[in-house]
Amino acid sequence: MRTQDEIVARIDERKQGDPFGFEWHEYFTMGLDFAHAQPFFGKDAEVDEEGWDDPLTDDQIHAKMEAYMPFAWDKANNCRGISASRSVQHYVAWLWMVGEDELAAWCADDVANYEHYGKEILIRICEEFGWDWEQWDDGVRTNTDD
């Protein structure tokens, strides 16, 4: 598991290129304890320590990644551009959180690797973790929805 300081630094690093927070919000909600999360609360946030969840463990993040995969494939199969891209951003965060830095960086390289609504990225993630991606893949490779 990443340290609190590593996660805060990652948020600061990635926040600029992620204005909607699809990636950095994962670090915030899944990896930070209350004390480290406080600087990222909005000015009107009504959050107290009692309502803040503990950071997830690597095993919990792995389980979340696997459980989310059918949803990510559904978005890619149905050419849902923003949703498919958002799914990849979640995986970039989750992969980094569990120490898969090289794979996270490869997945984040949209220009080189984001084709077919992220299917190549999803395949690589599935292969890395031993998940059968063929069960979710509709077999269609397109970069448009027409």
Protein backbone atom coordinates (compact mmCIF):
# COMPACT_ATOMS: atom_id res chain seq x y z
CA MET A 1 0.00 0.00 0.00
CA ARG A 2 1.17 3.49 -0.78
CA THR A 3 2.06 5.86 2.03
CA GLN A 4 -0.13 8.84 2.79
CA ASP A 5 2.59 11.21 1.57
CA GLU A 6 2.96 9.30 -1.71
CA ILE A 7 -0.78 9.52 -2.31
CA VAL A 8 -0.92 13.25 -1.56
CA ALA A 9 2.00 13.83 -3.95
CA ARG A 10 0.26 11.74 -6.63
CA ILE A 11 -2.93 13.78 -6.26
CA ASP A 12 -0.95 16.99 -6.64
CA GLU A 13 0.83 15.57 -9.70
CA ARG A 14 -2.23 14.19 -11.47
CA LYS A 15 -4.84 16.80 -10.51
CA GLN A 16 -3.77 19.26 -13.24
CA GLY A 17 -4.48 16.82 -16.06
CA ASP A 18 -7.69 15.52 -14.47
CA PRO A 19 -10.02 18.52 -14.06
CA PHE A 20 -13.11 16.36 -13.48
CA GLY A 21 -11.32 14.26 -10.87
CA PHE A 22 -11.99 10.85 -12.37
CA GLU A 23 -8.50 9.63 -11.51
CA TRP A 24 -7.35 11.72 -8.57
CA HIS A 25 -10.63 11.30 -6.73
CA GLU A 26 -9.86 7.58 -6.48
CA TYR A 27 -6.64 8.34 -4.58
CA PHE A 28 -8.54 10.72 -2.34
CA THR A 29 -11.43 8.43 -1.41
CA MET A 30 -9.66 5.07 -1.38
CA GLY A 31 -6.21 5.86 -0.13
CA LEU A 32 -6.21 8.75 2.30
CA ASP A 33 -6.97 8.76 5.97
CA PHE A 34 -9.10 11.62 7.29
CA ALA A 35 -6.18 13.83 8.35
CA HIS A 36 -4.55 13.66 4.91
CA ALA A 37 -7.86 14.02 3.06
CA GLN A 38 -8.96 17.22 4.81
CA PRO A 39 -6.99 19.64 2.58
CA PHE A 40 -8.87 18.28 -0.45
CA PHE A 41 -12.37 18.80 0.96
CA GLY A 42 -14.35 21.57 -0.68
CA LYS A 43 -15.11 24.60 1.44
CA ASP A 44 -18.72 23.48 1.91
CA ALA A 45 -17.91 19.85 2.69
CA GLU A 46 -19.70 18.42 5.66
CA VAL A 47 -17.42 15.51 6.44
CA ASP A 48 -16.15 14.46 9.81
CA GLU A 49 -13.71 11.79 10.85
CA GLU A 50 -16.49 9.46 11.91
CA GLY A 51 -17.97 9.51 8.40
CA TRP A 52 -14.65 8.95 6.64
CA ASP A 53 -13.72 5.41 5.61
CA ASP A 54 -10.32 3.91 6.31
CA PRO A 55 -7.98 3.58 3.32
CA LEU A 56 -8.52 0.42 1.31
CA THR A 57 -6.00 -2.39 1.41
CA ASP A 58 -4.34 -3.74 -1.72
CA ASP A 59 -6.62 -6.81 -1.54
CA GLN A 60 -9.70 -4.59 -1.39
CA ILE A 61 -8.51 -2.58 -4.39
CA HIS A 62 -7.80 -5.77 -6.36
CA ALA A 63 -11.34 -6.97 -5.59
CA LYS A 64 -12.75 -3.61 -6.68
CA MET A 65 -10.78 -3.79 -9.92
CA GLU A 66 -12.09 -7.24 -10.76
CA ALA A 67 -15.67 -6.39 -9.83
CA TYR A 68 -15.58 -3.27 -12.02
CA MET A 69 -14.23 -5.03 -15.11
CA PRO A 70 -17.62 -6.14 -16.56
CA PHE A 71 -18.83 -2.54 -16.33
CA ALA A 72 -15.68 -1.22 -18.03
CA TRP A 73 -16.08 -3.77 -20.84
CA ASP A 74 -19.73 -2.81 -21.26
CA LYS A 75 -18.73 0.82 -21.82
CA ALA A 76 -16.01 -0.16 -24.30
CA ASN A 77 -18.26 -2.61 -26.16
CA ASN A 78 -20.98 0.00 -26.50
CA CYS A 79 -18.60 2.74 -27.69
CA ARG A 80 -19.38 4.95 -24.73
CA GLY A 81 -16.45 7.32 -25.18
CA ILE A 82 -16.51 9.37 -21.98
CA SER A 83 -17.56 6.43 -19.80
CA ALA A 84 -14.96 4.12 -21.34
CA SER A 85 -12.26 6.75 -20.86
CA ARG A 86 -13.37 7.29 -17.28
CA SER A 87 -13.10 3.55 -16.65
CA VAL A 88 -9.49 3.63 -17.83
CA GLN A 89 -8.78 6.56 -15.49
CA HIS A 90 -10.14 4.54 -12.56
CA TYR A 91 -7.84 1.66 -13.48
CA VAL A 92 -4.84 3.98 -13.77
CA ALA A 93 -5.47 5.08 -10.19
CA TRP A 94 -6.16 1.62 -8.85
CA LEU A 95 -3.10 0.13 -10.54
CA TRP A 96 -0.85 2.85 -9.15
CA MET A 97 -2.35 2.39 -5.68
CA VAL A 98 -1.36 -1.30 -5.65
CA GLY A 99 2.16 -0.63 -6.93
CA GLU A 100 1.66 -1.52 -10.60
CA ASP A 101 3.43 1.68 -11.69
CA GLU A 102 4.55 0.54 -15.13
CA LEU A 103 1.15 -0.80 -16.10
CA ALA A 104 -0.55 2.32 -14.71
CA ALA A 105 1.75 4.52 -16.82
CA TRP A 106 1.13 2.40 -19.92
CA CYS A 107 -2.63 2.61 -19.41
CA ALA A 108 -2.44 6.37 -18.87
CA ASP A 109 -0.72 6.85 -22.25
CA ASP A 110 -3.97 7.58 -24.10
CA VAL A 111 -2.28 8.58 -27.34
CA ALA A 112 -0.42 5.30 -27.75
CA ASN A 113 -2.76 2.82 -26.11
CA TYR A 114 -6.33 4.13 -26.02
CA GLU A 115 -7.85 2.46 -29.04
CA HIS A 116 -11.18 0.75 -29.47
CA TYR A 117 -12.59 2.56 -26.46
CA GLY A 118 -9.83 1.21 -24.23
CA LYS A 119 -10.23 -2.46 -25.07
CA GLU A 120 -6.49 -3.01 -25.50
CA ILE A 121 -5.95 -1.50 -22.06
CA LEU A 122 -8.62 -3.69 -20.50
CA ILE A 123 -7.12 -6.79 -22.13
CA ARG A 124 -3.69 -6.00 -20.74
CA ILE A 125 -5.08 -5.43 -17.24
CA CYS A 126 -7.06 -8.68 -17.39
CA GLU A 127 -4.01 -10.60 -18.58
CA GLU A 128 -1.89 -9.11 -15.79
CA PHE A 129 -4.32 -10.32 -13.14
CA GLY A 130 -5.40 -13.58 -14.78
CA TRP A 131 -8.98 -12.54 -15.57
CA ASP A 132 -10.70 -14.00 -18.63
CA TRP A 133 -11.34 -10.87 -20.72
CA GLU A 134 -12.91 -12.86 -23.56
CA GLN A 135 -16.04 -13.39 -21.45
CA TRP A 136 -16.76 -9.65 -21.64
CA ASP A 137 -15.38 -8.74 -25.08
CA ASP A 138 -17.91 -8.55 -27.92
CA GLY A 139 -15.10 -9.02 -30.45
CA VAL A 140 -15.77 -5.74 -32.29
CA ARG A 141 -12.86 -3.34 -32.79
CA THR A 142 -13.88 0.17 -33.78
CA ASN A 143 -12.91 3.70 -32.93
CA THR A 144 -16.32 5.17 -33.75
CA ASP A 145 -19.86 4.37 -32.74
CA ASP A 146 -21.29 4.34 -36.26
